[in-house]
């Protein structure tokens, strides 16, 4: 598992593509808050524990699941 993997902008975009946002901005898929820029949502995720959220844990776990799924697909091919 990649418990220490950093969350990238690509990870945020991949997660947000699964849930369309009805207004301008980028949505944190963990707490559902909307931010004006990718940089602001990434900063929020990095410092979420200081704000009382567990968004960083959510995105790390999501990324680990994606990596596991990708490895299983490669193994099946």
N, C-alpha and C. Protein backbone atom coordinates (compact mmCIF):
# COMPACT_ATOMS: atom_id res chain seq x y z
N UNK A 1 0.85 -1.20 0.00
CA UNK A 1 0.00 0.00 0.00
C UNK A 1 0.88 1.23 0.00
N UNK A 2 0.37 2.30 -0.54
CA UNK A 2 1.14 3.54 -0.62
C UNK A 2 0.60 4.53 0.41
N UNK A 3 0.76 4.21 1.69
CA UNK A 3 0.25 5.05 2.76
C UNK A 3 0.89 6.42 2.80
N UNK A 4 2.12 6.55 2.30
CA UNK A 4 2.81 7.82 2.33
C UNK A 4 2.80 8.54 1.00
N UNK A 5 2.07 8.03 0.03
CA UNK A 5 2.06 8.64 -1.31
C UNK A 5 1.46 10.03 -1.26
N UNK A 6 2.08 10.94 -1.99
CA UNK A 6 1.56 12.30 -2.01
C UNK A 6 0.41 12.39 -3.01
N UNK A 7 -0.53 13.27 -2.70
CA UNK A 7 -1.68 13.48 -3.56
C UNK A 7 -1.30 14.52 -4.60
N UNK A 8 -1.51 14.19 -5.86
CA UNK A 8 -1.15 15.10 -6.94
C UNK A 8 -2.40 15.78 -7.50
N UNK A 9 -2.19 16.80 -8.29
CA UNK A 9 -3.29 17.49 -8.95
C UNK A 9 -4.03 16.50 -9.85
N UNK A 10 -3.31 15.61 -10.48
CA UNK A 10 -3.94 14.59 -11.34
C UNK A 10 -4.89 13.71 -10.53
N UNK A 11 -4.50 13.35 -9.31
CA UNK A 11 -5.38 12.54 -8.44
C UNK A 11 -6.67 13.30 -8.12
N UNK A 12 -6.54 14.58 -7.84
CA UNK A 12 -7.71 15.41 -7.52
C UNK A 12 -8.64 15.49 -8.72
N UNK A 13 -8.06 15.73 -9.89
CA UNK A 13 -8.88 15.81 -11.11
C UNK A 13 -9.56 14.49 -11.43
N UNK A 14 -8.85 13.39 -11.26
CA UNK A 14 -9.43 12.08 -11.53
C UNK A 14 -10.62 11.82 -10.61
N UNK A 15 -10.48 12.15 -9.35
CA UNK A 15 -11.58 11.96 -8.40
C UNK A 15 -12.75 12.87 -8.73
N UNK A 16 -12.46 14.12 -9.09
CA UNK A 16 -13.53 15.07 -9.33
C UNK A 16 -14.29 14.79 -10.62
N UNK A 17 -13.69 14.08 -11.56
CA UNK A 17 -14.37 13.75 -12.81
C UNK A 17 -15.54 12.80 -12.57
N UNK A 18 -15.52 12.11 -11.47
CA UNK A 18 -16.59 11.15 -11.16
C UNK A 18 -17.80 11.84 -10.54
N UNK A 19 -17.65 13.10 -10.17
CA UNK A 19 -18.74 13.85 -9.54
C UNK A 19 -18.76 15.26 -10.12
N UNK A 20 -19.64 15.53 -11.09
CA UNK A 20 -19.68 16.87 -11.68
C UNK A 20 -20.11 17.94 -10.67
N UNK A 21 -19.47 19.08 -10.74
CA UNK A 21 -19.78 20.20 -9.85
C UNK A 21 -20.68 21.17 -10.60
N UNK A 22 -21.81 21.56 -10.01
CA UNK A 22 -22.76 22.41 -10.72
C UNK A 22 -22.33 23.87 -10.85
N UNK A 23 -21.20 24.24 -10.31
CA UNK A 23 -20.74 25.62 -10.40
C UNK A 23 -19.24 25.64 -10.68
N UNK A 24 -18.71 26.81 -10.89
CA UNK A 24 -17.28 26.95 -11.19
C UNK A 24 -16.45 26.58 -9.97
N UNK A 25 -15.37 25.87 -10.21
CA UNK A 25 -14.46 25.50 -9.14
C UNK A 25 -14.19 24.01 -9.12
N UNK A 26 -13.50 23.59 -8.08
CA UNK A 26 -13.10 22.20 -7.90
C UNK A 26 -13.59 21.73 -6.54
N UNK A 27 -14.16 20.55 -6.52
CA UNK A 27 -14.74 20.04 -5.29
C UNK A 27 -13.82 19.03 -4.64
N UNK A 28 -13.64 19.18 -3.34
CA UNK A 28 -12.95 18.15 -2.56
C UNK A 28 -13.94 17.00 -2.42
N UNK A 29 -13.57 15.84 -2.89
CA UNK A 29 -14.50 14.72 -2.90
C UNK A 29 -14.71 14.13 -1.52
N UNK A 30 -13.90 14.51 -0.56
CA UNK A 30 -14.05 14.01 0.79
C UNK A 30 -15.07 14.82 1.59
N UNK A 31 -14.89 16.13 1.64
CA UNK A 31 -15.77 16.98 2.46
C UNK A 31 -16.80 17.74 1.64
N UNK A 32 -16.69 17.65 0.30
CA UNK A 32 -17.62 18.27 -0.65
C UNK A 32 -17.53 19.80 -0.70
N UNK A 33 -16.52 20.39 -0.09
CA UNK A 33 -16.34 21.84 -0.21
C UNK A 33 -15.83 22.16 -1.61
N UNK A 34 -16.19 23.33 -2.10
CA UNK A 34 -15.79 23.76 -3.44
C UNK A 34 -14.75 24.87 -3.31
N UNK A 35 -13.69 24.75 -4.14
CA UNK A 35 -12.58 25.70 -4.11
C UNK A 35 -12.41 26.31 -5.50
N UNK A 36 -11.93 27.55 -5.56
CA UNK A 36 -11.84 28.23 -6.86
C UNK A 36 -10.74 27.71 -7.78
N UNK A 37 -9.68 27.14 -7.23
CA UNK A 37 -8.55 26.67 -8.05
C UNK A 37 -8.11 25.28 -7.60
N UNK A 38 -7.40 24.59 -8.49
CA UNK A 38 -6.81 23.31 -8.11
C UNK A 38 -5.81 23.48 -6.98
N UNK A 39 -5.05 24.56 -7.04
CA UNK A 39 -4.04 24.82 -5.99
C UNK A 39 -4.72 24.94 -4.63
N UNK A 40 -5.86 25.64 -4.57
CA UNK A 40 -6.53 25.83 -3.28
C UNK A 40 -7.10 24.52 -2.74
N UNK A 41 -7.62 23.65 -3.62
CA UNK A 41 -8.13 22.37 -3.12
C UNK A 41 -6.98 21.47 -2.70
N UNK A 42 -5.86 21.53 -3.42
CA UNK A 42 -4.70 20.72 -3.02
C UNK A 42 -4.15 21.20 -1.67
N UNK A 43 -4.08 22.50 -1.47
CA UNK A 43 -3.63 23.05 -0.19
C UNK A 43 -4.59 22.63 0.92
N UNK A 44 -5.88 22.69 0.64
CA UNK A 44 -6.88 22.25 1.62
C UNK A 44 -6.65 20.80 2.02
N UNK A 45 -6.43 19.92 1.03
CA UNK A 45 -6.23 18.51 1.32
C UNK A 45 -4.99 18.31 2.18
N UNK A 46 -3.90 19.01 1.85
CA UNK A 46 -2.66 18.87 2.60
C UNK A 46 -2.81 19.31 4.05
N UNK A 47 -3.65 20.30 4.31
CA UNK A 47 -3.80 20.87 5.65
C UNK A 47 -5.15 20.56 6.27
N UNK A 48 -5.86 19.58 5.73
CA UNK A 48 -7.23 19.31 6.17
C UNK A 48 -7.32 18.92 7.64
N UNK A 49 -6.31 18.22 8.15
CA UNK A 49 -6.38 17.80 9.55
C UNK A 49 -6.35 19.00 10.49
N UNK A 50 -5.70 20.08 10.09
CA UNK A 50 -5.68 21.29 10.90
C UNK A 50 -7.04 21.98 10.92
N UNK A 51 -7.87 21.70 9.89
CA UNK A 51 -9.20 22.28 9.79
C UNK A 51 -10.27 21.35 10.35
N UNK A 52 -9.86 20.20 10.85
CA UNK A 52 -10.81 19.25 11.42
C UNK A 52 -11.40 18.27 10.41
N UNK A 53 -10.80 18.17 9.23
CA UNK A 53 -11.27 17.24 8.20
C UNK A 53 -10.25 16.12 8.03
N UNK A 54 -10.69 15.04 7.41
CA UNK A 54 -9.79 13.91 7.14
C UNK A 54 -9.62 13.71 5.63
N UNK A 55 -9.63 14.78 4.88
CA UNK A 55 -9.57 14.70 3.42
C UNK A 55 -8.28 14.07 2.93
N UNK A 56 -7.17 14.35 3.57
CA UNK A 56 -5.89 13.79 3.15
C UNK A 56 -5.91 12.27 3.26
N UNK A 57 -6.49 11.77 4.33
CA UNK A 57 -6.62 10.32 4.52
C UNK A 57 -7.49 9.73 3.42
N UNK A 58 -8.60 10.40 3.11
CA UNK A 58 -9.51 9.94 2.06
C UNK A 58 -8.79 9.83 0.72
N UNK A 59 -8.08 10.88 0.33
CA UNK A 59 -7.39 10.86 -0.97
C UNK A 59 -6.25 9.86 -1.00
N UNK A 60 -5.54 9.69 0.10
CA UNK A 60 -4.47 8.67 0.13
C UNK A 60 -5.05 7.28 -0.03
N UNK A 61 -6.16 7.02 0.65
CA UNK A 61 -6.79 5.70 0.54
C UNK A 61 -7.35 5.48 -0.87
N UNK A 62 -7.96 6.51 -1.43
CA UNK A 62 -8.48 6.43 -2.79
C UNK A 62 -7.36 6.14 -3.78
N UNK A 63 -6.23 6.82 -3.62
CA UNK A 63 -5.10 6.60 -4.51
C UNK A 63 -4.56 5.17 -4.37
N UNK A 64 -4.50 4.67 -3.14
CA UNK A 64 -4.04 3.30 -2.91
C UNK A 64 -4.97 2.30 -3.58
N UNK A 65 -6.28 2.55 -3.51
CA UNK A 65 -7.24 1.67 -4.16
C UNK A 65 -7.08 1.69 -5.67
N UNK A 66 -6.87 2.88 -6.24
CA UNK A 66 -6.66 2.99 -7.69
C UNK A 66 -5.42 2.22 -8.11
N UNK A 67 -4.33 2.36 -7.33
CA UNK A 67 -3.08 1.66 -7.66
C UNK A 67 -3.26 0.15 -7.58
N UNK A 68 -3.99 -0.30 -6.57
CA UNK A 68 -4.25 -1.74 -6.43
C UNK A 68 -5.08 -2.23 -7.61
N UNK A 69 -6.10 -1.49 -7.99
CA UNK A 69 -6.94 -1.86 -9.12
C UNK A 69 -6.13 -1.91 -10.41
N UNK A 70 -5.24 -0.94 -10.59
CA UNK A 70 -4.40 -0.89 -11.79
C UNK A 70 -3.48 -2.12 -11.85
N UNK A 71 -2.88 -2.49 -10.72
CA UNK A 71 -1.99 -3.65 -10.68
C UNK A 71 -2.76 -4.94 -10.97
N UNK A 72 -3.99 -5.03 -10.44
CA UNK A 72 -4.81 -6.21 -10.71
C UNK A 72 -5.17 -6.30 -12.18
N UNK A 73 -5.46 -5.16 -12.81
CA UNK A 73 -5.77 -5.17 -14.24
C UNK A 73 -4.57 -5.58 -15.06
N UNK A 74 -3.38 -5.11 -14.67
CA UNK A 74 -2.16 -5.50 -15.38
C UNK A 74 -1.89 -6.98 -15.24
N UNK A 75 -2.13 -7.50 -14.04
CA UNK A 75 -1.91 -8.93 -13.80
C UNK A 75 -2.88 -9.80 -14.60
N UNK A 76 -4.09 -9.31 -14.79
CA UNK A 76 -5.10 -10.06 -15.53
C UNK A 76 -4.84 -10.02 -17.04
N UNK A 77 -4.11 -9.02 -17.50
CA UNK A 77 -3.88 -8.86 -18.95
C UNK A 77 -2.80 -9.81 -19.46
